[in-house]
Amino acid sequence: MATVTVRGEAAADVPPDRVRLQVAVLAEAATAAEALSGLTGRAAELDRLLAAAGELVRLRRPSTVTVQPAWSPTGVVTGQAARQTTLVEVAPSAELGGLLGRLAAVPGVTLEGTGWVVDPDNPAHGRLRSAAVADAHARAADYARGAGLRLGAVEWIAEPGTTRPPEPFFARKSSAMSADAGGGEALMLRPEPVALVAEVDVRYALLPGEPG
Protein backbone atom coordinates (compact mmCIF):
# COMPACT_ATOMS: atom_id res chain seq x y z
CA MET A 1 0.00 0.00 0.00
CA ALA A 2 1.22 3.48 -0.86
CA THR A 3 1.93 5.92 1.98
CA VAL A 4 2.92 9.54 2.41
CA THR A 5 4.95 11.02 5.29
CA VAL A 6 4.74 14.72 6.02
CA ARG A 7 5.87 17.13 8.71
CA GLY A 8 3.30 19.43 10.25
CA GLU A 9 4.33 22.67 11.91
CA ALA A 10 2.74 25.35 14.05
CA ALA A 11 4.24 28.42 15.72
CA ALA A 12 3.06 31.21 17.98
CA ASP A 13 4.40 33.97 20.22
CA VAL A 14 3.24 33.21 23.77
CA PRO A 15 3.39 35.48 26.85
CA PRO A 16 5.91 34.10 29.38
CA ASP A 17 4.91 32.42 32.63
CA ARG A 18 8.22 33.26 34.32
CA VAL A 19 11.02 35.77 33.98
CA ARG A 20 14.54 34.55 34.67
CA LEU A 21 17.12 36.95 36.03
CA GLN A 22 20.82 36.26 36.37
CA VAL A 23 21.89 38.54 39.21
CA ALA A 24 25.56 38.95 40.12
CA VAL A 25 27.06 40.25 43.37
CA LEU A 26 30.64 41.54 43.31
CA ALA A 27 32.95 42.84 46.03
CA GLU A 28 36.54 43.97 45.59
CA ALA A 29 39.18 44.52 48.28
CA ALA A 30 42.91 44.37 48.83
CA THR A 31 42.83 40.74 50.03
CA ALA A 32 40.70 37.70 49.29
CA ALA A 33 39.46 37.58 52.89
CA GLU A 34 38.31 41.21 52.77
CA ALA A 35 36.62 40.66 49.41
CA LEU A 36 34.76 37.61 50.72
CA SER A 37 33.67 39.55 53.80
CA GLY A 38 32.27 42.32 51.63
CA LEU A 39 30.56 39.83 49.36
CA THR A 40 28.91 38.14 52.34
CA GLY A 41 27.24 41.37 53.41
CA ARG A 42 26.05 42.25 49.93
CA ALA A 43 24.75 38.73 49.25
CA ALA A 44 22.85 38.81 52.53
CA GLU A 45 21.18 42.07 51.50
CA LEU A 46 20.26 40.52 48.15
CA ASP A 47 18.72 37.52 49.91
CA ARG A 48 16.77 39.81 52.23
CA LEU A 49 15.27 41.75 49.35
CA LEU A 50 14.34 38.57 47.46
CA ALA A 51 12.74 37.05 50.55
CA ALA A 52 10.75 40.25 51.14
CA ALA A 53 9.33 40.03 47.61
CA GLY A 54 7.15 37.08 48.72
CA GLU A 55 5.30 35.18 46.01
CA LEU A 56 6.72 37.39 43.27
CA VAL A 57 9.96 35.38 43.53
CA ARG A 58 9.36 31.76 42.58
CA LEU A 59 12.94 30.48 42.71
CA ARG A 60 16.41 31.64 43.74
CA ARG A 61 19.48 29.50 43.27
CA PRO A 62 22.91 30.92 44.18
CA SER A 63 26.03 29.66 42.44
CA THR A 64 29.47 28.93 43.86
CA VAL A 65 31.47 31.90 45.11
CA THR A 66 34.64 32.67 43.13
CA VAL A 67 37.62 34.86 44.02
CA GLN A 68 39.96 36.16 41.32
CA PRO A 69 42.50 38.96 40.97
CA ALA A 70 41.06 42.35 40.06
CA TRP A 71 42.84 44.04 37.18
CA SER A 72 43.17 47.67 36.21
CA PRO A 73 42.68 48.77 32.57
CA THR A 74 46.48 48.84 32.25
CA GLY A 75 46.88 45.23 33.33
CA VAL A 76 47.94 45.79 36.92
CA VAL A 77 46.52 43.65 39.74
CA THR A 78 44.67 46.03 42.06
CA GLY A 79 43.32 43.52 44.56
CA GLN A 80 40.94 40.58 44.79
CA ALA A 81 37.37 40.30 43.49
CA ALA A 82 34.80 37.95 45.04
CA ARG A 83 31.74 37.13 42.92
CA GLN A 84 28.56 35.13 43.16
CA THR A 85 25.67 34.82 40.71
CA THR A 86 22.10 33.91 41.61
CA LEU A 87 19.46 32.58 39.23
CA VAL A 88 16.16 34.18 40.17
CA GLU A 89 12.77 33.31 38.66
CA VAL A 90 9.93 35.77 39.16
CA ALA A 91 6.36 36.19 38.01
CA PRO A 92 6.00 38.59 35.04
CA SER A 93 4.00 41.20 36.97
CA ALA A 94 3.98 44.97 37.29
CA GLU A 95 5.85 44.61 40.59
CA LEU A 96 8.99 43.39 38.80
CA GLY A 97 10.24 46.90 38.05
CA GLY A 98 10.10 47.86 41.71
CA LEU A 99 12.02 44.75 42.71
CA LEU A 100 14.74 45.49 40.15
CA GLY A 101 15.02 49.01 41.45
CA ARG A 102 15.53 47.80 45.01
CA LEU A 103 18.13 45.27 43.87
CA ALA A 104 19.95 47.94 41.89
CA ALA A 105 20.36 49.99 45.06
CA VAL A 106 22.53 47.25 46.63
CA PRO A 107 26.20 48.09 45.99
CA GLY A 108 27.91 45.53 43.77
CA VAL A 109 24.70 44.02 42.38
CA THR A 110 24.21 43.86 38.60
CA LEU A 111 21.69 42.18 36.32
CA GLU A 112 23.78 40.17 33.85
CA GLY A 113 21.03 38.47 31.88
CA THR A 114 17.30 38.09 31.46
CA GLY A 115 15.20 35.31 30.00
CA TRP A 116 11.54 34.56 29.44
CA VAL A 117 10.09 31.08 29.97
CA VAL A 118 6.82 29.39 29.05
CA ASP A 119 6.02 26.57 31.49
CA PRO A 120 5.68 23.00 30.09
CA ASP A 121 2.05 22.82 31.28
CA ASN A 122 1.02 26.03 29.54
CA PRO A 123 -2.08 25.30 27.38
CA ALA A 124 -0.33 26.94 24.43
CA HIS A 125 1.77 23.80 23.95
CA GLY A 126 -1.33 21.66 23.48
CA ARG A 127 -2.88 24.12 21.05
CA LEU A 128 0.28 24.18 18.98
CA ARG A 129 0.56 20.38 18.88
CA SER A 130 -3.04 20.11 17.66
CA ALA A 131 -2.37 22.78 15.06
CA ALA A 132 0.76 20.92 13.90
CA VAL A 133 -1.27 17.71 13.42
CA ALA A 134 -3.89 19.66 11.45
CA ASP A 135 -1.15 21.15 9.30
CA ALA A 136 0.26 17.67 8.62
CA HIS A 137 -3.18 16.41 7.61
CA ALA A 138 -3.68 19.33 5.21
CA ARG A 139 -0.27 18.78 3.62
CA ALA A 140 -0.84 15.05 3.21
CA ALA A 141 -4.27 15.66 1.69
CA ASP A 142 -2.72 18.00 -0.87
CA TYR A 143 -0.18 15.35 -1.88
CA ALA A 144 -2.88 12.70 -2.11
CA ARG A 145 -5.08 14.84 -4.35
CA GLY A 146 -2.10 15.71 -6.52
CA ALA A 147 -1.45 12.00 -7.04
CA GLY A 148 -5.09 11.20 -7.72
CA LEU A 149 -5.43 9.29 -4.44
CA ARG A 150 -7.35 9.58 -1.19
CA LEU A 151 -5.93 10.04 2.25
CA GLY A 152 -6.29 7.01 4.50
CA ALA A 153 -5.65 6.35 8.20
CA VAL A 154 -2.67 7.51 10.22
CA GLU A 155 -0.03 4.76 10.29
CA TRP A 156 2.65 6.49 12.35
CA ILE A 157 3.07 9.75 14.26
CA ALA A 158 6.02 11.14 16.24
CA GLU A 159 7.72 14.35 17.30
CA PRO A 160 10.93 14.98 15.33
CA GLY A 161 12.61 16.84 18.21
CA THR A 162 12.24 19.58 20.76
CA THR A 163 9.12 21.75 20.64
CA ARG A 164 10.52 24.96 22.11
CA PRO A 165 13.81 26.82 22.40
CA PRO A 166 16.26 25.43 24.96
CA GLU A 167 16.15 26.94 28.43
CA PRO A 168 17.35 29.19 29.81
CA PHE A 169 17.47 31.82 27.12
CA PHE A 170 19.39 34.87 28.29
CA ALA A 171 19.54 38.16 26.45
CA ARG A 172 22.76 39.65 27.74
CA LYS A 173 22.24 43.08 29.25
CA SER A 174 25.18 43.58 31.58
CA SER A 175 24.44 47.28 32.04
CA ALA A 176 20.72 46.88 32.60
CA MET A 177 20.94 47.21 36.35
CA SER A 178 23.58 48.62 38.64
CA ALA A 179 23.90 50.53 41.86
CA ASP A 180 24.00 53.76 39.84
CA ALA A 181 20.29 53.36 39.12
CA GLY A 182 19.40 55.07 42.38
CA GLY A 183 17.81 54.00 45.61
CA GLY A 184 14.77 51.89 44.99
CA GLU A 185 13.58 53.47 41.73
CA ALA A 186 11.59 51.21 39.45
CA LEU A 187 13.44 49.94 36.37
CA MET A 188 11.73 48.93 33.16
CA LEU A 189 11.89 45.29 32.09
CA ARG A 190 9.06 44.32 29.78
CA PRO A 191 8.73 40.54 29.38
CA GLU A 192 8.98 39.54 25.74
CA PRO A 193 6.79 36.89 24.08
CA VAL A 194 8.42 33.50 23.69
CA ALA A 195 8.43 31.96 20.20
CA LEU A 196 7.10 28.40 20.55
CA VAL A 197 7.24 25.88 17.72
CA ALA A 198 5.57 22.45 17.52
CA GLU A 199 6.48 19.90 14.84
CA VAL A 200 5.12 16.45 14.14
CA ASP A 201 5.91 13.76 11.55
CA VAL A 202 2.89 11.78 10.36
CA ARG A 203 2.62 8.89 7.92
CA TYR A 204 -0.73 8.32 6.22
CA ALA A 205 -1.96 5.46 4.10
CA LEU A 206 -2.94 6.40 0.57
CA LEU A 207 -6.07 4.86 -0.96
CA PRO A 208 -7.26 4.65 -4.55
CA GLY A 209 -9.04 7.76 -5.70
CA GLU A 210 -12.82 8.04 -5.94
CA PRO A 211 -14.31 6.67 -9.18
CA GLY A 212 -15.00 9.31 -11.76
C-alpha atoms as a PDB file:
ATOM      1  CA  MET A   1       0.000   0.000   0.000  1.00  0.00           C
ATOM      2  CA  ALA A   2       1.222   3.479  -0.861  1.00  0.00           C
ATOM      3  CA  THR A   3       1.934   5.919   1.982  1.00  0.00           C
ATOM      4  CA  VAL A   4       2.920   9.539   2.412  1.00  0.00           C
ATOM      5  CA  THR A   5       4.954  11.020   5.293  1.00  0.00           C
ATOM      6  CA  VAL A   6       4.737  14.724   6.022  1.00  0.00           C
ATOM      7  CA  ARG A   7       5.868  17.131   8.708  1.00  0.00           C
ATOM      8  CA  GLY A   8       3.302  19.433  10.246  1.00  0.00           C
ATOM      9  CA  GLU A   9       4.332  22.671  11.908  1.00  0.00           C
ATOM     10  CA  ALA A  10       2.742  25.352  14.052  1.00  0.00           C
ATOM     11  CA  ALA A  11       4.235  28.422  15.722  1.00  0.00           C
ATOM     12  CA  ALA A  12       3.064  31.214  17.980  1.00  0.00           C
ATOM     13  CA  ASP A  13       4.399  33.966  20.217  1.00  0.00           C
ATOM     14  CA  VAL A  14       3.245  33.207  23.771  1.00  0.00           C
ATOM     15  CA  PRO A  15       3.391  35.477  26.853  1.00  0.00           C
ATOM     16  CA  PRO A  16       5.908  34.100  29.383  1.00  0.00           C
ATOM     17  CA  ASP A  17       4.907  32.423  32.629  1.00  0.00           C
ATOM     18  CA  ARG A  18       8.223  33.256  34.320  1.00  0.00           C
ATOM     19  CA  VAL A  19      11.016  35.770  33.985  1.00  0.00           C
ATOM     20  CA  ARG A  20      14.545  34.547  34.671  1.00  0.00           C
ATOM     21  CA  LEU A  21      17.124  36.951  36.030  1.00  0.00           C
ATOM     22  CA  GLN A  22      20.822  36.260  36.370  1.00  0.00           C
ATOM     23  CA  VAL A  23      21.888  38.538  39.212  1.00  0.00           C
ATOM     24  CA  ALA A  24      25.558  38.948  40.123  1.00  0.00           C
ATOM     25  CA  VAL A  25      27.059  40.250  43.371  1.00  0.00           C
ATOM     26  CA  LEU A  26      30.641  41.538  43.306  1.00  0.00           C
ATOM     27  CA  ALA A  27      32.946  42.844  46.030  1.00  0.00           C
ATOM     28  CA  GLU A  28      36.541  43.972  45.593  1.00  0.00           C
ATOM     29  CA  ALA A  29      39.177  44.523  48.282  1.00  0.00           C
ATOM     30  CA  ALA A  30      42.907  44.365  48.829  1.00  0.00           C
ATOM     31  CA  THR A  31      42.826  40.743  50.027  1.00  0.00           C
ATOM     32  CA  ALA A  32      40.696  37.704  49.290  1.00  0.00           C
ATOM     33  CA  ALA A  33      39.465  37.578  52.893  1.00  0.00           C
ATOM     34  CA  GLU A  34      38.308  41.205  52.773  1.00  0.00           C
ATOM     35  CA  ALA A  35      36.618  40.660  49.405  1.00  0.00           C
ATOM     36  CA  LEU A  36      34.761  37.610  50.720  1.00  0.00           C
ATOM     37  CA  SER A  37      33.673  39.547  53.804  1.00  0.00           C
ATOM     38  CA  GLY A  38      32.269  42.325  51.635  1.00  0.00           C
ATOM     39  CA  LEU A  39      30.559  39.829  49.364  1.00  0.00           C
ATOM     40  CA  THR A  40      28.906  38.137  52.341  1.00  0.00           C
ATOM     41  CA  GLY A  41      27.239  41.370  53.412  1.00  0.00           C
ATOM     42  CA  ARG A  42      26.052  42.254  49.926  1.00  0.00           C
ATOM     43  CA  ALA A  43      24.754  38.735  49.253  1.00  0.00           C
ATOM     44  CA  ALA A  44      22.848  38.812  52.534  1.00  0.00           C
ATOM     45  CA  GLU A  45      21.178  42.072  51.498  1.00  0.00           C
ATOM     46  CA  LEU A  46      20.262  40.524  48.152  1.00  0.00           C
ATOM     47  CA  ASP A  47      18.723  37.522  49.913  1.00  0.00           C
ATOM     48  CA  ARG A  48      16.772  39.806  52.233  1.00  0.00           C
ATOM     49  CA  LEU A  49      15.265  41.748  49.347  1.00  0.00           C
ATOM     50  CA  LEU A  50      14.341  38.569  47.461  1.00  0.00           C
ATOM     51  CA  ALA A  51      12.737  37.054  50.551  1.00  0.00           C
ATOM     52  CA  ALA A  52      10.748  40.249  51.140  1.00  0.00           C
ATOM     53  CA  ALA A  53       9.330  40.029  47.608  1.00  0.00           C
ATOM     54  CA  GLY A  54       7.154  37.084  48.719  1.00  0.00           C
ATOM     55  CA  GLU A  55       5.298  35.175  46.008  1.00  0.00           C
ATOM     56  CA  LEU A  56       6.719  37.389  43.271  1.00  0.00           C
ATOM     57  CA  VAL A  57       9.961  35.378  43.526  1.00  0.00           C
ATOM     58  CA  ARG A  58       9.357  31.756  42.582  1.00  0.00           C
ATOM     59  CA  LEU A  59      12.940  30.477  42.710  1.00  0.00           C
ATOM     60  CA  ARG A  60      16.409  31.639  43.739  1.00  0.00           C
ATOM     61  CA  ARG A  61      19.482  29.498  43.271  1.00  0.00           C
ATOM     62  CA  PRO A  62      22.905  30.919  44.175  1.00  0.00           C
ATOM     63  CA  SER A  63      26.032  29.664  42.442  1.00  0.00           C
ATOM     64  CA  THR A  64      29.466  28.935  43.863  1.00  0.00           C
ATOM     65  CA  VAL A  65      31.474  31.904  45.115  1.00  0.00           C
ATOM     66  CA  THR A  66      34.640  32.672  43.131  1.00  0.00           C
ATOM     67  CA  VAL A  67      37.625  34.856  44.021  1.00  0.00           C
ATOM     68  CA  GLN A  68      39.960  36.164  41.320  1.00  0.00           C
ATOM     69  CA  PRO A  69      42.499  38.956  40.967  1.00  0.00           C
ATOM     70  CA  ALA A  70      41.056  42.347  40.061  1.00  0.00           C
ATOM     71  CA  TRP A  71      42.841  44.044  37.184  1.00  0.00           C
ATOM     72  CA  SER A  72      43.170  47.671  36.212  1.00  0.00           C
ATOM     73  CA  PRO A  73      42.684  48.774  32.572  1.00  0.00           C
ATOM     74  CA  THR A  74      46.480  48.844  32.246  1.00  0.00           C
ATOM     75  CA  GLY A  75      46.878  45.227  33.330  1.00  0.00           C
ATOM     76  CA  VAL A  76      47.941  45.789  36.920  1.00  0.00           C
ATOM     77  CA  VAL A  77      46.519  43.652  39.741  1.00  0.00           C
ATOM     78  CA  THR A  78      44.667  46.035  42.055  1.00  0.00           C
ATOM     79  CA  GLY A  79      43.323  43.520  44.558  1.00  0.00           C
ATOM     80  CA  GLN A  80      40.941  40.578  44.789  1.00  0.00           C
ATOM     81  CA  ALA A  81      37.368  40.303  43.489  1.00  0.00           C
ATOM     82  CA  ALA A  82      34.798  37.951  45.036  1.00  0.00           C
ATOM     83  CA  ARG A  83      31.742  37.135  42.919  1.00  0.00           C
ATOM     84  CA  GLN A  84      28.561  35.126  43.159  1.00  0.00           C
ATOM     85  CA  THR A  85      25.669  34.816  40.710  1.00  0.00           C
ATOM     86  CA  THR A  86      22.101  33.906  41.610  1.00  0.00           C
ATOM     87  CA  LEU A  87      19.464  32.578  39.234  1.00  0.00           C
ATOM     88  CA  VAL A  88      16.159  34.179  40.171  1.00  0.00           C
ATOM     89  CA  GLU A  89      12.771  33.311  38.664  1.00  0.00           C
ATOM     90  CA  VAL A  90       9.934  35.769  39.155  1.00  0.00           C
ATOM     91  CA  ALA A  91       6.355  36.194  38.007  1.00  0.00           C
ATOM     92  CA  PRO A  92       5.999  38.594  35.040  1.00  0.00           C
ATOM     93  CA  SER A  93       3.999  41.197  36.973  1.00  0.00           C
ATOM     94  CA  ALA A  94       3.981  44.972  37.287  1.00  0.00           C
ATOM     95  CA  GLU A  95       5.854  44.611  40.587  1.00  0.00           C
ATOM     96  CA  LEU A  96       8.989  43.393  38.804  1.00  0.00           C
ATOM     97  CA  GLY A  97      10.238  46.896  38.050  1.00  0.00           C
ATOM     98  CA  GLY A  98      10.101  47.863  41.714  1.00  0.00           C
ATOM     99  CA  LEU A  99      12.023  44.748  42.711  1.00  0.00           C
ATOM    100  CA  LEU A 100      14.739  45.488  40.154  1.00  0.00           C
ATOM    101  CA  GLY A 101      15.025  49.011  41.451  1.00  0.00           C
ATOM    102  CA  ARG A 102      15.534  47.796  45.009  1.00  0.00           C
ATOM    103  CA  LEU A 103      18.132  45.267  43.874  1.00  0.00           C
ATOM    104  CA  ALA A 104      19.953  47.940  41.890  1.00  0.00           C
ATOM    105  CA  ALA A 105      20.357  49.990  45.062  1.00  0.00           C
ATOM    106  CA  VAL A 106      22.526  47.250  46.627  1.00  0.00           C
ATOM    107  CA  PRO A 107      26.202  48.086  45.987  1.00  0.00           C
ATOM    108  CA  GLY A 108      27.915  45.532  43.770  1.00  0.00           C
ATOM    109  CA  VAL A 109      24.695  44.020  42.379  1.00  0.00           C
ATOM    110  CA  THR A 110      24.208  43.855  38.602  1.00  0.00           C
ATOM    111  CA  LEU A 111      21.688  42.182  36.319  1.00  0.00           C
ATOM    112  CA  GLU A 112      23.776  40.172  33.853  1.00  0.00           C
ATOM    113  CA  GLY A 113      21.027  38.466  31.879  1.00  0.00           C
ATOM    114  CA  THR A 114      17.296  38.085  31.457  1.00  0.00           C
ATOM    115  CA  GLY A 115      15.203  35.312  30.001  1.00  0.00           C
ATOM    116  CA  TRP A 116      11.537  34.564  29.436  1.00  0.00           C
ATOM    117  CA  VAL A 117      10.092  31.079  29.967  1.00  0.00           C
ATOM    118  CA  VAL A 118       6.816  29.389  29.048  1.00  0.00           C
ATOM    119  CA  ASP A 119       6.016  26.566  31.485  1.00  0.00           C
ATOM    120  CA  PRO A 120       5.677  23.005  30.090  1.00  0.00           C
ATOM    121  CA  ASP A 121       2.049  22.817  31.284  1.00  0.00           C
ATOM    122  CA  ASN A 122       1.016  26.035  29.542  1.00  0.00           C
ATOM    123  CA  PRO A 123      -2.078  25.299  27.379  1.00  0.00           C
ATOM    124  CA  ALA A 124      -0.334  26.944  24.433  1.00  0.00           C
ATOM    125  CA  HIS A 125       1.769  23.797  23.947  1.00  0.00           C
ATOM    126  CA  GLY A 126      -1.334  21.656  23.482  1.00  0.00           C
ATOM    127  CA  ARG A 127      -2.881  24.115  21.047  1.00  0.00           C
ATOM    128  CA  LEU A 128       0.281  24.182  18.975  1.00  0.00           C
ATOM    129  CA  ARG A 129       0.556  20.383  18.876  1.00  0.00           C
ATOM    130  CA  SER A 130      -3.043  20.107  17.665  1.00  0.00           C
ATOM    131  CA  ALA A 131      -2.371  22.784  15.061  1.00  0.00           C
ATOM    132  CA  ALA A 132       0.756  20.915  13.899  1.00  0.00           C
ATOM    133  CA  VAL A 133      -1.273  17.710  13.415  1.00  0.00           C
ATOM    134  CA  ALA A 134      -3.891  19.658  11.453  1.00  0.00           C
ATOM    135  CA  ASP A 135      -1.147  21.145   9.299  1.00  0.00           C
ATOM    136  CA  ALA A 136       0.261  17.670   8.621  1.00  0.00           C
ATOM    137  CA  HIS A 137      -3.181  16.415   7.607  1.00  0.00           C
ATOM    138  CA  ALA A 138      -3.681  19.329   5.215  1.00  0.00           C
ATOM    139  CA  ARG A 139      -0.267  18.779   3.624  1.00  0.00           C
ATOM    140  CA  ALA A 140      -0.839  15.049   3.215  1.00  0.00           C
ATOM    141  CA  ALA A 141      -4.270  15.655   1.694  1.00  0.00           C
ATOM    142  CA  ASP A 142      -2.718  18.002  -0.870  1.00  0.00           C
ATOM    143  CA  TYR A 143      -0.182  15.355  -1.876  1.00  0.00           C
ATOM    144  CA  ALA A 144      -2.881  12.699  -2.107  1.00  0.00           C
ATOM    145  CA  ARG A 145      -5.077  14.840  -4.348  1.00  0.00           C
ATOM    146  CA  GLY A 146      -2.102  15.709  -6.520  1.00  0.00           C
ATOM    147  CA  ALA A 147      -1.449  11.997  -7.036  1.00  0.00           C
ATOM    148  CA  GLY A 148      -5.091  11.205  -7.724  1.00  0.00           C
ATOM    149  CA  LEU A 149      -5.433   9.292  -4.444  1.00  0.00           C
ATOM    150  CA  ARG A 150      -7.350   9.580  -1.189  1.00  0.00           C
ATOM    151  CA  LEU A 151      -5.929  10.035   2.251  1.00  0.00           C
ATOM    152  CA  GLY A 152      -6.287   7.007   4.501  1.00  0.00           C
ATOM    153  CA  ALA A 153      -5.647   6.347   8.200  1.00  0.00           C
ATOM    154  CA  VAL A 154      -2.670   7.511  10.217  1.00  0.00           C
ATOM    155  CA  GLU A 155      -0.028   4.764  10.294  1.00  0.00           C
ATOM    156  CA  TRP A 156       2.652   6.489  12.353  1.00  0.00           C
ATOM    157  CA  ILE A 157       3.068   9.748  14.258  1.00  0.00           C
ATOM    158  CA  ALA A 158       6.022  11.142  16.239  1.00  0.00           C
ATOM    159  CA  GLU A 159       7.723  14.348  17.301  1.00  0.00           C
ATOM    160  CA  PRO A 160      10.927  14.981  15.329  1.00  0.00           C
ATOM    161  CA  GLY A 161      12.613  16.839  18.207  1.00  0.00           C
ATOM    162  CA  THR A 162      12.242  19.584  20.756  1.00  0.00           C
ATOM    163  CA  THR A 163       9.116  21.750  20.639  1.00  0.00           C
ATOM    164  CA  ARG A 164      10.521  24.962  22.115  1.00  0.00           C
ATOM    165  CA  PRO A 165      13.808  26.825  22.395  1.00  0.00           C
ATOM    166  CA  PRO A 166      16.259  25.427  24.962  1.00  0.00           C
ATOM    167  CA  GLU A 167      16.151  26.936  28.430  1.00  0.00           C
ATOM    168  CA  PRO A 168      17.346  29.188  29.807  1.00  0.00           C
ATOM    169  CA  PHE A 169      17.471  31.820  27.117  1.00  0.00           C
ATOM    170  CA  PHE A 170      19.391  34.867  28.287  1.00  0.00           C
ATOM    171  CA  ALA A 171      19.538  38.155  26.447  1.00  0.00           C
ATOM    172  CA  ARG A 172      22.760  39.646  27.742  1.00  0.00           C
ATOM    173  CA  LYS A 173      22.243  43.079  29.255  1.00  0.00           C
ATOM    174  CA  SER A 174      25.177  43.583  31.576  1.00  0.00           C
ATOM    175  CA  SER A 175      24.444  47.275  32.042  1.00  0.00           C
ATOM    176  CA  ALA A 176      20.717  46.881  32.600  1.00  0.00           C
ATOM    177  CA  MET A 177      20.942  47.208  36.346  1.00  0.00           C
ATOM    178  CA  SER A 178      23.576  48.616  38.642  1.00  0.00           C
ATOM    179  CA  ALA A 179      23.904  50.533  41.863  1.00  0.00           C
ATOM    180  CA  ASP A 180      24.002  53.764  39.840  1.00  0.00           C
ATOM    181  CA  ALA A 181      20.289  53.356  39.117  1.00  0.00           C
ATOM    182  CA  GLY A 182      19.404  55.071  42.378  1.00  0.00           C
ATOM    183  CA  GLY A 183      17.813  54.003  45.608  1.00  0.00           C
ATOM    184  CA  GLY A 184      14.775  51.890  44.986  1.00  0.00           C
ATOM    185  CA  GLU A 185      13.585  53.469  41.733  1.00  0.00           C
ATOM    186  CA  ALA A 186      11.589  51.206  39.449  1.00  0.00           C
ATOM    187  CA  LEU A 187      13.438  49.938  36.375  1.00  0.00           C
ATOM    188  CA  MET A 188      11.733  48.927  33.158  1.00  0.00           C
ATOM    189  CA  LEU A 189      11.892  45.293  32.086  1.00  0.00           C
ATOM    190  CA  ARG A 190       9.064  44.320  29.781  1.00  0.00           C
ATOM    191  CA  PRO A 191       8.725  40.540  29.383  1.00  0.00           C
ATOM    192  CA  GLU A 192       8.981  39.542  25.744  1.00  0.00           C
ATOM    193  CA  PRO A 193       6.786  36.893  24.076  1.00  0.00           C
ATOM    194  CA  VAL A 194       8.416  33.497  23.689  1.00  0.00           C
ATOM    195  CA  ALA A 195       8.425  31.961  20.201  1.00  0.00           C
ATOM    196  CA  LEU A 196       7.105  28.402  20.547  1.00  0.00           C
ATOM    197  CA  VAL A 197       7.240  25.875  17.721  1.00  0.00           C
ATOM    198  CA  ALA A 198       5.574  22.455  17.521  1.00  0.00           C
ATOM    199  CA  GLU A 199       6.485  19.898  14.844  1.00  0.00           C
ATOM    200  CA  VAL A 200       5.121  16.447  14.135  1.00  0.00           C
ATOM    201  CA  ASP A 201       5.909  13.764  11.547  1.00  0.00           C
ATOM    202  CA  VAL A 202       2.890  11.779  10.360  1.00  0.00           C
ATOM    203  CA  ARG A 203       2.615   8.890   7.922  1.00  0.00           C
ATOM    204  CA  TYR A 204      -0.730   8.321   6.223  1.00  0.00           C
ATOM    205  CA  ALA A 205      -1.963   5.458   4.104  1.00  0.00           C
ATOM    206  CA  LEU A 206      -2.941   6.400   0.566  1.00  0.00           C
ATOM    207  CA  LEU A 207      -6.065   4.855  -0.963  1.00  0.00           C
ATOM    208  CA  PRO A 208      -7.261   4.650  -4.553  1.00  0.00           C
ATOM    209  CA  GLY A 209      -9.043   7.763  -5.703  1.00  0.00           C
ATOM    210  CA  GLU A 210     -12.818   8.041  -5.943  1.00  0.00           C
ATOM    211  CA  PRO A 211     -14.315   6.666  -9.180  1.00  0.00           C
ATOM    212  CA  GLY A 212     -15.000   9.312 -11.758  1.00  0.00           C
END
